[in-house]
Amino acid sequence: MYLLVDNVYVDSRLLKEKRYCNYEKCRGACCKGEGLGTPLSDIDIKRIDKNVSEPNFYEYNKGPRLVCRKNGDCIFLRDNMCKINHIKPDFCRLFPVRFERKDGFNFIIFHPYSECRFEESDKYYLERISDIIEREFGKNFTQKLLELCGNVYLQ
């Protein structure tokens, strides 16, 4: 179910989600086999280029993406762990949340893989990614969204 907040449809499960992704337990399931590479923002490219010397992105028809290996795994996945976890792209930080635009509408979607492993937390998942949400949708929207977290009338 989605809740309309301003002009964005938000997956209502995110308003009660108080867990975080335990990357060590899933062993990078979201980094394996996709094949097209992770979408990158200009901010991601600058952050990665500043810290990594090897070529790591290519131009795709929908914008720049991280390079993949022939098997479809991310180029930075080594021994089931992300080599650049401390500077990983926003798309990776958001996962399993993603932003989509369909038929002129914005969506914030929660779509974990079956391999995803979560740990309980005292913080809402949306709090952990609020900086990215704010960059995409603005400070006022982000504040409204965070105020809705835990509202029992919406769940």
C-alpha atoms as a PDB file:
ATOM      1  CA  MET A   1       0.000   0.000   0.000  1.00  0.00           C
ATOM      2  CA  TYR A   2       1.223   3.491  -0.807  1.00  0.00           C
ATOM      3  CA  LEU A   3       0.678   6.756   1.002  1.00  0.00           C
ATOM      4  CA  LEU A   4       0.717   9.998  -0.966  1.00  0.00           C
ATOM      5  CA  VAL A   5       3.027  12.532   0.686  1.00  0.00           C
ATOM      6  CA  ASP A   6       3.106  15.783  -1.256  1.00  0.00           C
ATOM      7  CA  ASN A   7       3.564  14.494  -4.810  1.00  0.00           C
ATOM      8  CA  VAL A   8       5.350  11.237  -3.888  1.00  0.00           C
ATOM      9  CA  TYR A   9       3.808   7.805  -3.361  1.00  0.00           C
ATOM     10  CA  VAL A  10       5.625   6.198  -0.425  1.00  0.00           C
ATOM     11  CA  ASP A  11       5.535   2.472   0.330  1.00  0.00           C
ATOM     12  CA  SER A  12       3.752   2.521   3.699  1.00  0.00           C
ATOM     13  CA  ARG A  13       5.881  -0.355   5.038  1.00  0.00           C
ATOM     14  CA  LEU A  14       8.760   2.122   5.248  1.00  0.00           C
ATOM     15  CA  LEU A  15       6.882   4.177   7.829  1.00  0.00           C
ATOM     16  CA  LYS A  16       7.201   1.361  10.372  1.00  0.00           C
ATOM     17  CA  GLU A  17      10.447  -0.306   9.270  1.00  0.00           C
ATOM     18  CA  LYS A  18      12.873  -0.175  12.221  1.00  0.00           C
ATOM     19  CA  ARG A  19      15.587  -2.442  10.915  1.00  0.00           C
ATOM     20  CA  TYR A  20      18.750  -2.019   8.939  1.00  0.00           C
ATOM     21  CA  CYS A  21      20.399  -4.028   6.201  1.00  0.00           C
ATOM     22  CA  ASN A  22      22.960  -6.476   7.588  1.00  0.00           C
ATOM     23  CA  TYR A  23      25.287  -6.650   4.615  1.00  0.00           C
ATOM     24  CA  GLU A  24      27.624  -9.120   6.309  1.00  0.00           C
ATOM     25  CA  LYS A  25      24.814 -11.680   6.639  1.00  0.00           C
ATOM     26  CA  CYS A  26      23.430 -11.463   3.098  1.00  0.00           C
ATOM     27  CA  ARG A  27      27.004 -11.391   1.740  1.00  0.00           C
ATOM     28  CA  GLY A  28      26.258  -8.823  -0.937  1.00  0.00           C
ATOM     29  CA  ALA A  29      23.250 -10.491  -2.571  1.00  0.00           C
ATOM     30  CA  CYS A  30      22.210  -7.151  -4.095  1.00  0.00           C
ATOM     31  CA  CYS A  31      25.655  -6.809  -5.728  1.00  0.00           C
ATOM     32  CA  LYS A  32      25.493 -10.082  -7.634  1.00  0.00           C
ATOM     33  CA  GLY A  33      24.362 -10.978 -11.113  1.00  0.00           C
ATOM     34  CA  GLU A  34      22.293  -7.953 -12.125  1.00  0.00           C
ATOM     35  CA  GLY A  35      24.499  -7.171 -15.104  1.00  0.00           C
ATOM     36  CA  LEU A  36      23.670  -3.545 -15.927  1.00  0.00           C
ATOM     37  CA  GLY A  37      25.639  -1.993 -13.113  1.00  0.00           C
ATOM     38  CA  THR A  38      24.582   0.338 -10.342  1.00  0.00           C
ATOM     39  CA  PRO A  39      23.177   3.715 -11.423  1.00  0.00           C
ATOM     40  CA  LEU A  40      25.438   6.597 -10.370  1.00  0.00           C
ATOM     41  CA  SER A  41      24.819  10.239  -9.595  1.00  0.00           C
ATOM     42  CA  ASP A  42      27.400  12.963 -10.201  1.00  0.00           C
ATOM     43  CA  ILE A  43      28.003  13.009  -6.443  1.00  0.00           C
ATOM     44  CA  ASP A  44      28.689   9.243  -6.471  1.00  0.00           C
ATOM     45  CA  ILE A  45      31.166   9.560  -9.343  1.00  0.00           C
ATOM     46  CA  LYS A  46      33.107  12.350  -7.635  1.00  0.00           C
ATOM     47  CA  ARG A  47      33.200  10.455  -4.313  1.00  0.00           C
ATOM     48  CA  ILE A  48      34.345   7.195  -5.933  1.00  0.00           C
ATOM     49  CA  ASP A  49      36.876   8.810  -8.298  1.00  0.00           C
ATOM     50  CA  LYS A  50      38.418  10.660  -5.354  1.00  0.00           C
ATOM     51  CA  ASN A  51      39.034   7.374  -3.509  1.00  0.00           C
ATOM     52  CA  VAL A  52      39.518   4.735  -6.230  1.00  0.00           C
ATOM     53  CA  SER A  53      42.151   4.728  -8.959  1.00  0.00           C
ATOM     54  CA  GLU A  54      40.744   2.040 -11.273  1.00  0.00           C
ATOM     55  CA  PRO A  55      38.178   2.855 -13.998  1.00  0.00           C
ATOM     56  CA  ASN A  56      34.801   2.009 -12.584  1.00  0.00           C
ATOM     57  CA  PHE A  57      31.899   3.433 -14.551  1.00  0.00           C
ATOM     58  CA  TYR A  58      30.483   3.591 -18.067  1.00  0.00           C
ATOM     59  CA  GLU A  59      27.799   5.604 -19.850  1.00  0.00           C
ATOM     60  CA  TYR A  60      24.471   3.852 -20.211  1.00  0.00           C
ATOM     61  CA  ASN A  61      21.446   5.249 -22.042  1.00  0.00           C
ATOM     62  CA  LYS A  62      19.890   6.196 -18.673  1.00  0.00           C
ATOM     63  CA  GLY A  63      23.097   7.692 -17.230  1.00  0.00           C
ATOM     64  CA  PRO A  64      26.396   6.491 -15.780  1.00  0.00           C
ATOM     65  CA  ARG A  65      26.650   3.103 -14.071  1.00  0.00           C
ATOM     66  CA  LEU A  66      29.270   1.081 -12.231  1.00  0.00           C
ATOM     67  CA  VAL A  67      31.056  -1.475 -14.346  1.00  0.00           C
ATOM     68  CA  CYS A  68      30.130  -5.138 -13.851  1.00  0.00           C
ATOM     69  CA  ARG A  69      32.167  -8.275 -14.281  1.00  0.00           C
ATOM     70  CA  LYS A  70      31.225 -10.714 -17.043  1.00  0.00           C
ATOM     71  CA  ASN A  71      29.130 -12.724 -14.568  1.00  0.00           C
ATOM     72  CA  GLY A  72      27.075  -9.584 -13.752  1.00  0.00           C
ATOM     73  CA  ASP A  73      28.574  -8.957 -10.312  1.00  0.00           C
ATOM     74  CA  CYS A  74      29.635  -5.471  -9.289  1.00  0.00           C
ATOM     75  CA  ILE A  75      33.288  -4.756  -9.997  1.00  0.00           C
ATOM     76  CA  PHE A  76      33.791  -3.755  -6.341  1.00  0.00           C
ATOM     77  CA  LEU A  77      32.422  -7.008  -4.893  1.00  0.00           C
ATOM     78  CA  ARG A  78      35.310  -9.077  -3.548  1.00  0.00           C
ATOM     79  CA  ASP A  79      34.945 -12.131  -1.307  1.00  0.00           C
ATOM     80  CA  ASN A  80      31.231 -11.335  -0.928  1.00  0.00           C
ATOM     81  CA  MET A  81      31.968  -7.886   0.491  1.00  0.00           C
ATOM     82  CA  CYS A  82      31.941  -4.403  -1.045  1.00  0.00           C
ATOM     83  CA  LYS A  83      35.438  -3.020  -1.453  1.00  0.00           C
ATOM     84  CA  ILE A  84      34.048   0.544  -1.365  1.00  0.00           C
ATOM     85  CA  ASN A  85      31.355   0.046   1.288  1.00  0.00           C
ATOM     86  CA  HIS A  86      32.423   3.234   3.117  1.00  0.00           C
ATOM     87  CA  ILE A  87      31.873   5.330  -0.075  1.00  0.00           C
ATOM     88  CA  LYS A  88      29.347   3.203  -1.959  1.00  0.00           C
ATOM     89  CA  PRO A  89      26.859   4.841  -4.335  1.00  0.00           C
ATOM     90  CA  ASP A  90      23.590   6.247  -3.024  1.00  0.00           C
ATOM     91  CA  PHE A  91      21.670   3.584  -4.959  1.00  0.00           C
ATOM     92  CA  CYS A  92      23.474   0.950  -2.861  1.00  0.00           C
ATOM     93  CA  ARG A  93      22.965   2.854   0.389  1.00  0.00           C
ATOM     94  CA  LEU A  94      19.230   3.056  -0.333  1.00  0.00           C
ATOM     95  CA  PHE A  95      18.771  -0.601  -1.206  1.00  0.00           C
ATOM     96  CA  PRO A  96      16.237  -2.212  -0.851  1.00  0.00           C
ATOM     97  CA  VAL A  97      14.565   1.166  -1.226  1.00  0.00           C
ATOM     98  CA  ARG A  98      14.467   2.699  -4.681  1.00  0.00           C
ATOM     99  CA  PHE A  99      13.110   5.827  -6.274  1.00  0.00           C
ATOM    100  CA  GLU A 100      11.072   5.469  -9.438  1.00  0.00           C
ATOM    101  CA  ARG A 101       9.169   7.765 -11.724  1.00  0.00           C
ATOM    102  CA  LYS A 102       6.211   6.145 -13.513  1.00  0.00           C
ATOM    103  CA  ASP A 103       3.546   7.849 -15.587  1.00  0.00           C
ATOM    104  CA  GLY A 104       4.538  11.252 -14.188  1.00  0.00           C
ATOM    105  CA  PHE A 105       4.417  10.154 -10.539  1.00  0.00           C
ATOM    106  CA  ASN A 106       7.278   9.730  -8.064  1.00  0.00           C
ATOM    107  CA  PHE A 107       7.487   6.579  -5.935  1.00  0.00           C
ATOM    108  CA  ILE A 108       9.607   5.499  -2.995  1.00  0.00           C
ATOM    109  CA  ILE A 109       9.468   1.718  -3.123  1.00  0.00           C
ATOM    110  CA  PHE A 110      10.569  -0.860  -0.549  1.00  0.00           C
ATOM    111  CA  HIS A 111      11.487  -4.060  -2.370  1.00  0.00           C
ATOM    112  CA  PRO A 112      13.872  -6.356  -0.473  1.00  0.00           C
ATOM    113  CA  TYR A 113      15.278  -9.481  -2.089  1.00  0.00           C
ATOM    114  CA  SER A 114      14.529 -12.828  -0.458  1.00  0.00           C
ATOM    115  CA  GLU A 115      18.261 -12.936   0.425  1.00  0.00           C
ATOM    116  CA  CYS A 116      18.119  -9.629   2.338  1.00  0.00           C
ATOM    117  CA  ARG A 117      19.011  -9.910   6.009  1.00  0.00           C
ATOM    118  CA  PHE A 118      17.917  -7.261   8.477  1.00  0.00           C
ATOM    119  CA  GLU A 119      18.752  -6.470  12.080  1.00  0.00           C
ATOM    120  CA  GLU A 120      16.397  -4.771  14.519  1.00  0.00           C
ATOM    121  CA  SER A 121      17.165  -1.117  15.182  1.00  0.00           C
ATOM    122  CA  ASP A 122      16.004   1.778  17.307  1.00  0.00           C
ATOM    123  CA  LYS A 123      16.020   3.972  14.167  1.00  0.00           C
ATOM    124  CA  TYR A 124      13.636   3.903  11.249  1.00  0.00           C
ATOM    125  CA  TYR A 125      15.115   2.788   7.942  1.00  0.00           C
ATOM    126  CA  LEU A 126      14.046   6.130   6.479  1.00  0.00           C
ATOM    127  CA  GLU A 127      16.161   7.958   9.068  1.00  0.00           C
ATOM    128  CA  ARG A 128      19.255   6.110   7.848  1.00  0.00           C
ATOM    129  CA  ILE A 129      18.703   7.275   4.271  1.00  0.00           C
ATOM    130  CA  SER A 130      17.185  10.688   4.962  1.00  0.00           C
ATOM    131  CA  ASP A 131      20.159  12.572   3.443  1.00  0.00           C
ATOM    132  CA  ILE A 132      19.566  10.869   0.090  1.00  0.00           C
ATOM    133  CA  ILE A 133      15.809  11.429   0.282  1.00  0.00           C
ATOM    134  CA  GLU A 134      16.435  15.097   1.044  1.00  0.00           C
ATOM    135  CA  ARG A 135      18.746  15.490  -1.966  1.00  0.00           C
ATOM    136  CA  GLU A 136      16.117  13.907  -4.207  1.00  0.00           C
ATOM    137  CA  PHE A 137      12.892  15.390  -2.828  1.00  0.00           C
ATOM    138  CA  GLY A 138      13.863  18.331  -0.610  1.00  0.00           C
ATOM    139  CA  LYS A 139      14.112  19.097   3.088  1.00  0.00           C
ATOM    140  CA  ASN A 140      10.406  19.836   3.690  1.00  0.00           C
ATOM    141  CA  PHE A 141       9.311  16.554   2.123  1.00  0.00           C
ATOM    142  CA  THR A 142      11.914  14.602   4.118  1.00  0.00           C
ATOM    143  CA  GLN A 143      10.802  16.191   7.391  1.00  0.00           C
ATOM    144  CA  LYS A 144       7.147  15.363   6.646  1.00  0.00           C
ATOM    145  CA  LEU A 145       8.078  11.792   5.812  1.00  0.00           C
ATOM    146  CA  LEU A 146      10.101  11.315   9.001  1.00  0.00           C
ATOM    147  CA  GLU A 147       7.272  12.792  11.095  1.00  0.00           C
ATOM    148  CA  LEU A 148       4.969  10.099   9.685  1.00  0.00           C
ATOM    149  CA  CYS A 149       7.247   7.263  10.839  1.00  0.00           C
ATOM    150  CA  GLY A 150       5.598   5.221  13.552  1.00  0.00           C
ATOM    151  CA  ASN A 151       2.195   6.910  13.170  1.00  0.00           C
ATOM    152  CA  VAL A 152      -0.151   4.080  14.146  1.00  0.00           C
ATOM    153  CA  TYR A 153      -3.080   5.617  12.256  1.00  0.00           C
ATOM    154  CA  LEU A 154      -1.277   5.117   8.949  1.00  0.00           C
ATOM    155  CA  GLN A 155      -0.310   1.481   9.420  1.00  0.00           C
END
